Amino acid sequence: MVTLGSDSHKRTHTVVVIDDNGRQLAQKTLLATSAWHLDALQWASRWPQRRWALEDCRQVSRRLEADLLVAGEVVVRVPPKLTVVARKVARTTGKSDPIDALAVARAALREPDLPVAWLDVPAATCACCSTTAMILSVNELEFKIASAGTSTNSSPKWRFLHAC
């Protein structure tokens, strides 16, 4: 199994892939949009057994986390305090995003009991066929159709994802 650690920012995410020994296998930087998140999923598909480790700073990683969860990926949340020492030791001049993503991935490897992320979406039963289905917010539906751009969620709207 590989672990994909992410250093998330408002406009970009840097993802580093490590094996079970903590050795870096690959890295990729992508824009922080659903379309680019889909691209990251396609890129990561070369490793069939994988989990994503996101630094627990939901103000910038929430959309990536939701897109990964909607796609059925396993996501763990890494508290920033678990990466502080590794970041300080590895710090060099220049851009530090790959260093930070590597620190997140290695922290996830080192800490087996990190909280697993999940989508808090309601479920409902269809009146005509008694099937239970998930209800996804408009934001998650936008990912389903791989739309790009940023959407607002000032008033959550929910849609029943089921066709009889």
C-alpha atoms as a PDB file:
ATOM      1  CA  MET A   1       0.000   0.000   0.000  1.00  0.00           C
ATOM      2  CA  VAL A   2       1.133   3.544  -0.715  1.00  0.00           C
ATOM      3  CA  THR A   3       0.268   6.731   1.127  1.00  0.00           C
ATOM      4  CA  LEU A   4      -0.366   9.953  -0.746  1.00  0.00           C
ATOM      5  CA  GLY A   5       0.396  12.962   1.446  1.00  0.00           C
ATOM      6  CA  SER A   6      -0.917  16.375   0.474  1.00  0.00           C
ATOM      7  CA  ASP A   7       0.229  19.875   1.292  1.00  0.00           C
ATOM      8  CA  SER A   8      -2.887  21.930   0.584  1.00  0.00           C
ATOM      9  CA  HIS A   9      -3.136  25.612  -0.193  1.00  0.00           C
ATOM     10  CA  LYS A  10      -5.914  27.872  -1.419  1.00  0.00           C
ATOM     11  CA  ARG A  11      -4.907  27.561  -5.094  1.00  0.00           C
ATOM     12  CA  THR A  12      -2.738  24.412  -5.273  1.00  0.00           C
ATOM     13  CA  HIS A  13      -2.131  21.025  -3.685  1.00  0.00           C
ATOM     14  CA  THR A  14       1.185  19.196  -3.767  1.00  0.00           C
ATOM     15  CA  VAL A  15       0.906  15.421  -3.454  1.00  0.00           C
ATOM     16  CA  VAL A  16       3.796  13.103  -2.583  1.00  0.00           C
ATOM     17  CA  VAL A  17       3.515   9.309  -2.792  1.00  0.00           C
ATOM     18  CA  ILE A  18       5.474   7.095  -0.377  1.00  0.00           C
ATOM     19  CA  ASP A  19       5.752   3.334   0.021  1.00  0.00           C
ATOM     20  CA  ASP A  20       5.424   1.404   3.304  1.00  0.00           C
ATOM     21  CA  ASN A  21       9.053   2.249   4.169  1.00  0.00           C
ATOM     22  CA  GLY A  22       8.528   5.996   3.782  1.00  0.00           C
ATOM     23  CA  ARG A  23      10.498   6.176   0.525  1.00  0.00           C
ATOM     24  CA  GLN A  24       9.226   8.813  -1.907  1.00  0.00           C
ATOM     25  CA  LEU A  25       7.944   7.316  -5.171  1.00  0.00           C
ATOM     26  CA  ALA A  26       6.455  10.317  -6.974  1.00  0.00           C
ATOM     27  CA  GLN A  27       5.138  13.837  -6.570  1.00  0.00           C
ATOM     28  CA  LYS A  28       2.633  16.047  -8.366  1.00  0.00           C
ATOM     29  CA  THR A  29       1.364  19.602  -7.967  1.00  0.00           C
ATOM     30  CA  LEU A  30      -2.178  20.383  -9.067  1.00  0.00           C
ATOM     31  CA  LEU A  31      -4.653  23.228  -9.009  1.00  0.00           C
ATOM     32  CA  ALA A  32      -7.229  23.211  -6.211  1.00  0.00           C
ATOM     33  CA  THR A  33     -10.273  22.529  -8.421  1.00  0.00           C
ATOM     34  CA  SER A  34     -12.486  19.484  -8.832  1.00  0.00           C
ATOM     35  CA  ALA A  35     -11.255  18.969 -12.386  1.00  0.00           C
ATOM     36  CA  TRP A  36      -7.651  18.795 -11.173  1.00  0.00           C
ATOM     37  CA  HIS A  37      -8.677  16.572  -8.261  1.00  0.00           C
ATOM     38  CA  LEU A  38     -10.061  14.155 -10.859  1.00  0.00           C
ATOM     39  CA  ASP A  39      -6.715  14.352 -12.654  1.00  0.00           C
ATOM     40  CA  ALA A  40      -4.959  13.484  -9.379  1.00  0.00           C
ATOM     41  CA  LEU A  41      -7.221  10.445  -8.974  1.00  0.00           C
ATOM     42  CA  GLN A  42      -6.332   9.255 -12.461  1.00  0.00           C
ATOM     43  CA  TRP A  43      -2.641   9.792 -11.715  1.00  0.00           C
ATOM     44  CA  ALA A  44      -2.937   7.890  -8.411  1.00  0.00           C
ATOM     45  CA  SER A  45      -4.756   4.959 -10.019  1.00  0.00           C
ATOM     46  CA  ARG A  46      -1.382   3.372 -10.886  1.00  0.00           C
ATOM     47  CA  TRP A  47      -1.249   2.392  -7.196  1.00  0.00           C
ATOM     48  CA  PRO A  48      -4.369   0.268  -6.640  1.00  0.00           C
ATOM     49  CA  GLN A  49      -3.835  -0.004  -2.877  1.00  0.00           C
ATOM     50  CA  ARG A  50      -3.608   3.541  -1.593  1.00  0.00           C
ATOM     51  CA  ARG A  51      -4.806   5.948   1.034  1.00  0.00           C
ATOM     52  CA  TRP A  52      -4.693   9.712   1.112  1.00  0.00           C
ATOM     53  CA  ALA A  53      -3.269  11.678   4.039  1.00  0.00           C
ATOM     54  CA  LEU A  54      -4.408  15.295   4.246  1.00  0.00           C
ATOM     55  CA  GLU A  55      -3.139  17.803   6.737  1.00  0.00           C
ATOM     56  CA  ASP A  56      -6.098  18.625   8.948  1.00  0.00           C
ATOM     57  CA  CYS A  57      -6.554  22.235   7.830  1.00  0.00           C
ATOM     58  CA  ARG A  58     -10.046  21.957   6.418  1.00  0.00           C
ATOM     59  CA  GLN A  59     -10.300  25.587   5.394  1.00  0.00           C
ATOM     60  CA  VAL A  60      -8.020  24.706   2.436  1.00  0.00           C
ATOM     61  CA  SER A  61      -8.317  20.912   2.152  1.00  0.00           C
ATOM     62  CA  ARG A  62     -12.108  20.504   2.514  1.00  0.00           C
ATOM     63  CA  ARG A  63     -12.844  20.445  -1.199  1.00  0.00           C
ATOM     64  CA  LEU A  64     -10.044  17.973  -1.974  1.00  0.00           C
ATOM     65  CA  GLU A  65     -11.201  15.782   0.909  1.00  0.00           C
ATOM     66  CA  ALA A  66     -14.826  15.826  -0.268  1.00  0.00           C
ATOM     67  CA  ASP A  67     -13.865  15.073  -3.873  1.00  0.00           C
ATOM     68  CA  LEU A  68     -11.717  12.126  -2.791  1.00  0.00           C
ATOM     69  CA  LEU A  69     -14.435  10.743  -0.514  1.00  0.00           C
ATOM     70  CA  VAL A  70     -17.111  11.033  -3.190  1.00  0.00           C
ATOM     71  CA  ALA A  71     -14.775   9.057  -5.472  1.00  0.00           C
ATOM     72  CA  GLY A  72     -14.563   6.289  -2.831  1.00  0.00           C
ATOM     73  CA  GLU A  73     -11.000   6.955  -1.662  1.00  0.00           C
ATOM     74  CA  VAL A  74      -9.716   6.351   1.878  1.00  0.00           C
ATOM     75  CA  VAL A  75      -8.668   9.634   3.500  1.00  0.00           C
ATOM     76  CA  VAL A  76      -7.022  10.172   6.891  1.00  0.00           C
ATOM     77  CA  ARG A  77      -6.585  13.521   8.606  1.00  0.00           C
ATOM     78  CA  VAL A  78      -3.111  14.353   9.906  1.00  0.00           C
ATOM     79  CA  PRO A  79      -2.928  16.962  12.688  1.00  0.00           C
ATOM     80  CA  PRO A  80      -0.311  19.627  11.809  1.00  0.00           C
ATOM     81  CA  LYS A  81       1.541  19.087  15.098  1.00  0.00           C
ATOM     82  CA  LEU A  82       2.632  15.627  13.873  1.00  0.00           C
ATOM     83  CA  THR A  83       4.648  17.143  11.016  1.00  0.00           C
ATOM     84  CA  VAL A  84       6.406  20.070  12.720  1.00  0.00           C
ATOM     85  CA  VAL A  85       9.724  18.360  13.532  1.00  0.00           C
ATOM     86  CA  ALA A  86      10.081  16.698  10.107  1.00  0.00           C
ATOM     87  CA  ARG A  87       9.388  20.011   8.362  1.00  0.00           C
ATOM     88  CA  LYS A  88      11.994  21.901  10.396  1.00  0.00           C
ATOM     89  CA  VAL A  89      14.679  19.278   9.812  1.00  0.00           C
ATOM     90  CA  ALA A  90      14.093  19.030   6.057  1.00  0.00           C
ATOM     91  CA  ARG A  91      13.678  22.793   5.412  1.00  0.00           C
ATOM     92  CA  THR A  92      15.844  24.173   2.602  1.00  0.00           C
ATOM     93  CA  THR A  93      15.743  27.331   0.520  1.00  0.00           C
ATOM     94  CA  GLY A  94      13.074  27.515  -2.148  1.00  0.00           C
ATOM     95  CA  LYS A  95       9.571  26.078  -2.314  1.00  0.00           C
ATOM     96  CA  SER A  96       8.777  23.746   0.582  1.00  0.00           C
ATOM     97  CA  ASP A  97       5.459  22.225  -0.574  1.00  0.00           C
ATOM     98  CA  PRO A  98       6.975  18.804  -1.504  1.00  0.00           C
ATOM     99  CA  ILE A  99       8.765  18.700   1.861  1.00  0.00           C
ATOM    100  CA  ASP A 100       5.511  19.451   3.669  1.00  0.00           C
ATOM    101  CA  ALA A 101       3.542  16.852   1.661  1.00  0.00           C
ATOM    102  CA  LEU A 102       6.236  14.266   2.402  1.00  0.00           C
ATOM    103  CA  ALA A 103       6.046  15.097   6.120  1.00  0.00           C
ATOM    104  CA  VAL A 104       2.249  14.614   6.048  1.00  0.00           C
ATOM    105  CA  ALA A 105       2.565  11.236   4.290  1.00  0.00           C
ATOM    106  CA  ARG A 106       5.257   9.999   6.690  1.00  0.00           C
ATOM    107  CA  ALA A 107       3.238  11.127   9.710  1.00  0.00           C
ATOM    108  CA  ALA A 108       0.286   9.095   8.416  1.00  0.00           C
ATOM    109  CA  LEU A 109       2.563   6.094   7.990  1.00  0.00           C
ATOM    110  CA  ARG A 110       3.969   6.527  11.499  1.00  0.00           C
ATOM    111  CA  GLU A 111       0.568   7.040  13.207  1.00  0.00           C
ATOM    112  CA  PRO A 112      -1.822   4.136  12.463  1.00  0.00           C
ATOM    113  CA  ASP A 113      -4.775   5.503  14.480  1.00  0.00           C
ATOM    114  CA  LEU A 114      -5.392   8.793  12.679  1.00  0.00           C
ATOM    115  CA  PRO A 115      -9.017   9.821  12.190  1.00  0.00           C
ATOM    116  CA  VAL A 116     -10.536   8.625   8.931  1.00  0.00           C
ATOM    117  CA  ALA A 117     -12.499  11.268   7.049  1.00  0.00           C
ATOM    118  CA  TRP A 118     -16.077  10.640   5.973  1.00  0.00           C
ATOM    119  CA  LEU A 119     -18.819  12.575   4.258  1.00  0.00           C
ATOM    120  CA  ASP A 120     -21.687  13.577   6.461  1.00  0.00           C
ATOM    121  CA  VAL A 121     -24.406  13.125   3.868  1.00  0.00           C
ATOM    122  CA  PRO A 122     -27.963  12.179   4.699  1.00  0.00           C
ATOM    123  CA  ALA A 123     -29.709   9.170   3.231  1.00  0.00           C
ATOM    124  CA  ALA A 124     -33.341   8.865   2.228  1.00  0.00           C
ATOM    125  CA  THR A 125     -35.737   6.170   1.097  1.00  0.00           C
ATOM    126  CA  CYS A 126     -37.420   6.444  -2.281  1.00  0.00           C
ATOM    127  CA  ALA A 127     -41.222   6.544  -1.928  1.00  0.00           C
ATOM    128  CA  CYS A 128     -41.927   4.470  -5.054  1.00  0.00           C
ATOM    129  CA  CYS A 129     -39.406   1.607  -4.726  1.00  0.00           C
ATOM    130  CA  SER A 130     -38.185   1.712  -1.084  1.00  0.00           C
ATOM    131  CA  THR A 131     -34.542   1.980  -2.166  1.00  0.00           C
ATOM    132  CA  THR A 132     -32.210   3.828   0.184  1.00  0.00           C
ATOM    133  CA  ALA A 133     -29.811   6.223  -1.533  1.00  0.00           C
ATOM    134  CA  MET A 134     -27.405   8.956  -0.549  1.00  0.00           C
ATOM    135  CA  ILE A 135     -28.375  12.564  -0.790  1.00  0.00           C
ATOM    136  CA  LEU A 136     -25.419  14.660  -1.907  1.00  0.00           C
ATOM    137  CA  SER A 137     -25.041  18.390  -1.676  1.00  0.00           C
ATOM    138  CA  VAL A 138     -24.752  20.438  -4.833  1.00  0.00           C
ATOM    139  CA  ASN A 139     -20.978  20.708  -4.274  1.00  0.00           C
ATOM    140  CA  GLU A 140     -20.547  16.925  -4.345  1.00  0.00           C
ATOM    141  CA  LEU A 141     -22.820  16.677  -7.381  1.00  0.00           C
ATOM    142  CA  GLU A 142     -20.582  19.168  -9.163  1.00  0.00           C
ATOM    143  CA  PHE A 143     -17.650  16.791  -8.614  1.00  0.00           C
ATOM    144  CA  LYS A 144     -19.697  13.910  -9.964  1.00  0.00           C
ATOM    145  CA  ILE A 145     -19.921  15.692 -13.293  1.00  0.00           C
ATOM    146  CA  ALA A 146     -16.300  16.884 -12.994  1.00  0.00           C
ATOM    147  CA  SER A 147     -17.086  20.556 -13.281  1.00  0.00           C
ATOM    148  CA  ALA A 148     -14.285  23.009 -12.720  1.00  0.00           C
ATOM    149  CA  GLY A 149     -14.324  26.220 -10.751  1.00  0.00           C
ATOM    150  CA  THR A 150     -15.242  27.231  -7.248  1.00  0.00           C
ATOM    151  CA  SER A 151     -18.775  27.036  -5.982  1.00  0.00           C
ATOM    152  CA  THR A 152     -20.256  28.664  -2.931  1.00  0.00           C
ATOM    153  CA  ASN A 153     -22.274  26.921  -0.304  1.00  0.00           C
ATOM    154  CA  SER A 154     -24.087  29.794   1.366  1.00  0.00           C
ATOM    155  CA  SER A 155     -27.290  27.760   1.647  1.00  0.00           C
ATOM    156  CA  PRO A 156     -26.839  24.002   1.362  1.00  0.00           C
ATOM    157  CA  LYS A 157     -29.075  22.405  -1.234  1.00  0.00           C
ATOM    158  CA  TRP A 158     -29.520  18.652  -1.319  1.00  0.00           C
ATOM    159  CA  ARG A 159     -30.555  16.343  -4.138  1.00  0.00           C
ATOM    160  CA  PHE A 160     -31.755  12.763  -3.962  1.00  0.00           C
ATOM    161  CA  LEU A 161     -29.306  10.611  -5.966  1.00  0.00           C
ATOM    162  CA  HIS A 162     -31.539   7.820  -7.210  1.00  0.00           C
ATOM    163  CA  ALA A 163     -33.501   7.094 -10.364  1.00  0.00           C
ATOM    164  CA  CYS A 164     -36.336   4.569 -10.257  1.00  0.00           C
END
